[in-house]
Amino acid sequence: MNRELEKRLAEEFEFMRRGPLSEDGIDNLYNAFGIETGDGWYQLLYDMCREIAIVFETAEKPVTIEMVQIKEKYGTLRVYYNLEGENDVARKISDITQKYEDLSETVCEECGREGTLRTDLPWIQTLCDTCYGRKQFGSKLS
């Protein structure tokens, strides 16, 4: 994801701010690499973060989630995190992240339009018909 979109998420949601890297090397892939997806999933991630923030607000608990890695894997979103706190909050956060991982299978990773999981490309991706055509044929169809 481009830096400007990542910056927007970090400005809105403190838990999306990247922390410093360890002197011993990479101990948190999110801090090292940021969001490793296409820009088309920005709205999915924004909506997911908003729901996560609401869970903490509703529970009147401090935000104790730390992002560890956000990436595309096998054509869908994957969100890995550490979470301190109560089981009820943890269960709700797990349900939310699963929901958006599932939704990513229907949203083009490149542009954000309605997409389909494409398994016939060298790299499995969720793409709309237009972006799929570009990947499949290497052209700039519109």
C-alpha atoms as a PDB file:
ATOM      1  CA  MET A   1       0.000   0.000   0.000  1.00  0.00           C
ATOM      2  CA  ASN A   2       1.298   3.444  -0.785  1.00  0.00           C
ATOM      3  CA  ARG A   3       2.655   5.584   2.029  1.00  0.00           C
ATOM      4  CA  GLU A   4      -0.047   8.251   1.813  1.00  0.00           C
ATOM      5  CA  LEU A   5      -2.811   5.716   2.445  1.00  0.00           C
ATOM      6  CA  GLU A   6      -0.840   4.127   5.284  1.00  0.00           C
ATOM      7  CA  LYS A   7      -0.336   7.601   6.756  1.00  0.00           C
ATOM      8  CA  ARG A   8      -4.092   8.253   6.679  1.00  0.00           C
ATOM      9  CA  LEU A   9      -4.744   5.079   8.655  1.00  0.00           C
ATOM     10  CA  ALA A  10      -2.024   5.959  11.179  1.00  0.00           C
ATOM     11  CA  GLU A  11      -3.440   9.451  11.654  1.00  0.00           C
ATOM     12  CA  GLU A  12      -6.933   8.111  12.327  1.00  0.00           C
ATOM     13  CA  PHE A  13      -6.000   5.020  14.365  1.00  0.00           C
ATOM     14  CA  GLU A  14      -3.091   5.140  16.789  1.00  0.00           C
ATOM     15  CA  PHE A  15      -2.662   1.356  16.700  1.00  0.00           C
ATOM     16  CA  MET A  16      -1.861   1.634  12.981  1.00  0.00           C
ATOM     17  CA  ARG A  17       1.247   3.744  13.641  1.00  0.00           C
ATOM     18  CA  ARG A  18       4.436   1.915  12.886  1.00  0.00           C
ATOM     19  CA  GLY A  19       6.886   1.638  15.756  1.00  0.00           C
ATOM     20  CA  PRO A  20      10.677   1.742  15.721  1.00  0.00           C
ATOM     21  CA  LEU A  21      12.698  -1.205  14.537  1.00  0.00           C
ATOM     22  CA  SER A  22      14.666  -3.245  17.036  1.00  0.00           C
ATOM     23  CA  GLU A  23      18.441  -2.817  17.044  1.00  0.00           C
ATOM     24  CA  ASP A  24      18.707  -6.609  16.866  1.00  0.00           C
ATOM     25  CA  GLY A  25      16.891  -6.732  13.539  1.00  0.00           C
ATOM     26  CA  ILE A  26      13.312  -7.097  12.406  1.00  0.00           C
ATOM     27  CA  ASP A  27      11.087  -8.261  15.240  1.00  0.00           C
ATOM     28  CA  ASN A  28       7.828  -6.878  13.841  1.00  0.00           C
ATOM     29  CA  LEU A  29       7.129  -7.111  10.110  1.00  0.00           C
ATOM     30  CA  TYR A  30       4.502  -4.363  10.245  1.00  0.00           C
ATOM     31  CA  ASN A  31       7.008  -1.903  11.700  1.00  0.00           C
ATOM     32  CA  ALA A  32       9.561  -2.903   9.064  1.00  0.00           C
ATOM     33  CA  PHE A  33       7.414  -3.076   5.926  1.00  0.00           C
ATOM     34  CA  GLY A  34       4.032  -1.501   6.675  1.00  0.00           C
ATOM     35  CA  ILE A  35       0.937  -2.736   4.889  1.00  0.00           C
ATOM     36  CA  GLU A  36       1.916  -5.250   2.230  1.00  0.00           C
ATOM     37  CA  THR A  37      -1.195  -5.104   0.040  1.00  0.00           C
ATOM     38  CA  GLY A  38      -2.457  -3.173  -2.928  1.00  0.00           C
ATOM     39  CA  ASP A  39      -4.179   0.193  -2.498  1.00  0.00           C
ATOM     40  CA  GLY A  40      -7.577  -1.285  -3.361  1.00  0.00           C
ATOM     41  CA  TRP A  41      -7.938  -2.721   0.118  1.00  0.00           C
ATOM     42  CA  TYR A  42      -7.563   0.664   1.840  1.00  0.00           C
ATOM     43  CA  GLN A  43     -11.302   0.997   2.545  1.00  0.00           C
ATOM     44  CA  LEU A  44     -11.472  -2.560   3.902  1.00  0.00           C
ATOM     45  CA  LEU A  45      -8.618  -1.787   6.280  1.00  0.00           C
ATOM     46  CA  TYR A  46     -10.131   1.555   7.280  1.00  0.00           C
ATOM     47  CA  ASP A  47     -13.480  -0.072   8.071  1.00  0.00           C
ATOM     48  CA  MET A  48     -11.761  -2.884   9.981  1.00  0.00           C
ATOM     49  CA  CYS A  49      -9.764  -0.385  12.059  1.00  0.00           C
ATOM     50  CA  ARG A  50     -12.882   1.632  12.812  1.00  0.00           C
ATOM     51  CA  GLU A  51     -14.665  -1.472  14.082  1.00  0.00           C
ATOM     52  CA  ILE A  52     -11.647  -2.399  16.211  1.00  0.00           C
ATOM     53  CA  ALA A  53     -11.558   1.105  17.707  1.00  0.00           C
ATOM     54  CA  ILE A  54     -15.280   0.886  18.513  1.00  0.00           C
ATOM     55  CA  VAL A  55     -14.756  -2.407  20.382  1.00  0.00           C
ATOM     56  CA  PHE A  56     -12.209  -0.768  22.680  1.00  0.00           C
ATOM     57  CA  GLU A  57     -14.353   2.367  23.104  1.00  0.00           C
ATOM     58  CA  THR A  58     -17.476   0.356  23.915  1.00  0.00           C
ATOM     59  CA  ALA A  59     -15.598  -1.821  26.415  1.00  0.00           C
ATOM     60  CA  GLU A  60     -14.058   1.331  27.912  1.00  0.00           C
ATOM     61  CA  LYS A  61     -10.665  -0.337  27.666  1.00  0.00           C
ATOM     62  CA  PRO A  62      -7.336   1.090  26.539  1.00  0.00           C
ATOM     63  CA  VAL A  63      -6.320   0.102  23.022  1.00  0.00           C
ATOM     64  CA  THR A  64      -3.895  -2.775  23.527  1.00  0.00           C
ATOM     65  CA  ILE A  65      -3.641  -4.154  20.010  1.00  0.00           C
ATOM     66  CA  GLU A  66      -0.276  -4.177  18.210  1.00  0.00           C
ATOM     67  CA  MET A  67      -0.168  -4.900  14.500  1.00  0.00           C
ATOM     68  CA  VAL A  68       2.470  -7.501  13.632  1.00  0.00           C
ATOM     69  CA  GLN A  69       1.858  -7.965   9.895  1.00  0.00           C
ATOM     70  CA  ILE A  70      -0.757  -6.953   7.330  1.00  0.00           C
ATOM     71  CA  LYS A  71      -0.376  -8.585   3.944  1.00  0.00           C
ATOM     72  CA  GLU A  72      -1.936 -10.415   1.041  1.00  0.00           C
ATOM     73  CA  LYS A  73      -1.632 -14.187   1.128  1.00  0.00           C
ATOM     74  CA  TYR A  74      -3.194 -16.526  -1.436  1.00  0.00           C
ATOM     75  CA  GLY A  75      -5.194 -13.613  -2.810  1.00  0.00           C
ATOM     76  CA  THR A  76      -6.818 -12.488   0.433  1.00  0.00           C
ATOM     77  CA  LEU A  77      -6.045 -10.156   3.296  1.00  0.00           C
ATOM     78  CA  ARG A  78      -4.184 -11.447   6.346  1.00  0.00           C
ATOM     79  CA  VAL A  79      -3.982  -9.464   9.575  1.00  0.00           C
ATOM     80  CA  TYR A  80      -1.643 -10.646  12.317  1.00  0.00           C
ATOM     81  CA  TYR A  81      -1.587  -8.864  15.665  1.00  0.00           C
ATOM     82  CA  ASN A  82      -0.767  -9.134  19.354  1.00  0.00           C
ATOM     83  CA  LEU A  83      -3.488  -8.291  21.819  1.00  0.00           C
ATOM     84  CA  GLU A  84      -3.449  -7.881  25.559  1.00  0.00           C
ATOM     85  CA  GLY A  85      -6.699  -7.839  27.419  1.00  0.00           C
ATOM     86  CA  GLU A  86      -9.958  -9.559  28.125  1.00  0.00           C
ATOM     87  CA  ASN A  87     -11.293 -12.574  26.290  1.00  0.00           C
ATOM     88  CA  ASP A  88     -14.464 -10.748  25.194  1.00  0.00           C
ATOM     89  CA  VAL A  89     -12.471  -7.981  23.494  1.00  0.00           C
ATOM     90  CA  ALA A  90     -10.072 -10.529  21.981  1.00  0.00           C
ATOM     91  CA  ARG A  91     -12.970 -12.583  20.589  1.00  0.00           C
ATOM     92  CA  LYS A  92     -14.576  -9.511  19.032  1.00  0.00           C
ATOM     93  CA  ILE A  93     -11.281  -8.401  17.462  1.00  0.00           C
ATOM     94  CA  SER A  94     -10.751 -11.898  16.072  1.00  0.00           C
ATOM     95  CA  ASP A  95     -14.261 -11.878  14.577  1.00  0.00           C
ATOM     96  CA  ILE A  96     -13.663  -8.456  13.012  1.00  0.00           C
ATOM     97  CA  THR A  97     -10.335  -9.375  11.429  1.00  0.00           C
ATOM     98  CA  GLN A  98     -11.806 -12.629  10.104  1.00  0.00           C
ATOM     99  CA  LYS A  99     -14.743 -10.726   8.626  1.00  0.00           C
ATOM    100  CA  TYR A 100     -12.457  -8.392   6.677  1.00  0.00           C
ATOM    101  CA  GLU A 101     -10.131 -11.186   5.610  1.00  0.00           C
ATOM    102  CA  ASP A 102     -13.212 -12.922   4.160  1.00  0.00           C
ATOM    103  CA  LEU A 103     -14.507  -9.712   2.534  1.00  0.00           C
ATOM    104  CA  SER A 104     -11.156  -9.174   0.813  1.00  0.00           C
ATOM    105  CA  GLU A 105     -11.995 -12.106  -1.446  1.00  0.00           C
ATOM    106  CA  THR A 106     -14.664  -9.885  -3.051  1.00  0.00           C
ATOM    107  CA  VAL A 107     -12.715  -6.600  -3.374  1.00  0.00           C
ATOM    108  CA  CYS A 108     -10.096  -5.894  -6.030  1.00  0.00           C
ATOM    109  CA  GLU A 109      -6.734  -5.492  -4.323  1.00  0.00           C
ATOM    110  CA  GLU A 110      -5.587  -3.081  -7.019  1.00  0.00           C
ATOM    111  CA  CYS A 111      -8.487  -0.611  -7.323  1.00  0.00           C
ATOM    112  CA  GLY A 112     -11.112  -1.440  -4.678  1.00  0.00           C
ATOM    113  CA  ARG A 113     -13.947  -2.336  -7.049  1.00  0.00           C
ATOM    114  CA  GLU A 114     -15.856  -5.597  -6.814  1.00  0.00           C
ATOM    115  CA  GLY A 115     -13.432  -8.426  -7.443  1.00  0.00           C
ATOM    116  CA  THR A 116     -13.082 -12.164  -7.781  1.00  0.00           C
ATOM    117  CA  LEU A 117     -10.357 -14.457  -6.459  1.00  0.00           C
ATOM    118  CA  ARG A 118      -8.236 -15.274  -9.522  1.00  0.00           C
ATOM    119  CA  THR A 119      -6.318 -18.537  -9.289  1.00  0.00           C
ATOM    120  CA  ASP A 120      -5.203 -18.777 -12.923  1.00  0.00           C
ATOM    121  CA  LEU A 121      -2.438 -16.162 -12.677  1.00  0.00           C
ATOM    122  CA  PRO A 122       1.140 -16.808 -11.537  1.00  0.00           C
ATOM    123  CA  TRP A 123       0.237 -15.014  -8.258  1.00  0.00           C
ATOM    124  CA  ILE A 124      -3.236 -15.665  -6.781  1.00  0.00           C
ATOM    125  CA  GLN A 125      -5.031 -12.326  -6.435  1.00  0.00           C
ATOM    126  CA  THR A 126      -8.479 -10.861  -5.959  1.00  0.00           C
ATOM    127  CA  LEU A 127      -9.063  -8.585  -8.949  1.00  0.00           C
ATOM    128  CA  CYS A 128     -11.900  -6.881 -10.805  1.00  0.00           C
ATOM    129  CA  ASP A 129     -12.334  -7.748 -14.490  1.00  0.00           C
ATOM    130  CA  THR A 130     -10.355  -4.682 -15.642  1.00  0.00           C
ATOM    131  CA  CYS A 131      -7.350  -5.250 -13.385  1.00  0.00           C
ATOM    132  CA  TYR A 132      -7.501  -8.965 -14.149  1.00  0.00           C
ATOM    133  CA  GLY A 133      -7.312  -8.186 -17.872  1.00  0.00           C
ATOM    134  CA  ARG A 134      -4.243  -6.015 -17.285  1.00  0.00           C
ATOM    135  CA  LYS A 135      -2.511  -8.777 -15.332  1.00  0.00           C
ATOM    136  CA  GLN A 136      -3.603 -11.548 -17.654  1.00  0.00           C
ATOM    137  CA  PHE A 137      -2.734  -9.867 -20.909  1.00  0.00           C
ATOM    138  CA  GLY A 138      -0.158  -7.344 -19.739  1.00  0.00           C
ATOM    139  CA  SER A 139      -2.131  -4.524 -21.348  1.00  0.00           C
ATOM    140  CA  LYS A 140      -3.654  -1.303 -20.083  1.00  0.00           C
ATOM    141  CA  LEU A 141      -7.271  -2.133 -20.750  1.00  0.00           C
ATOM    142  CA  SER A 142      -9.818   0.256 -19.247  1.00  0.00           C
END
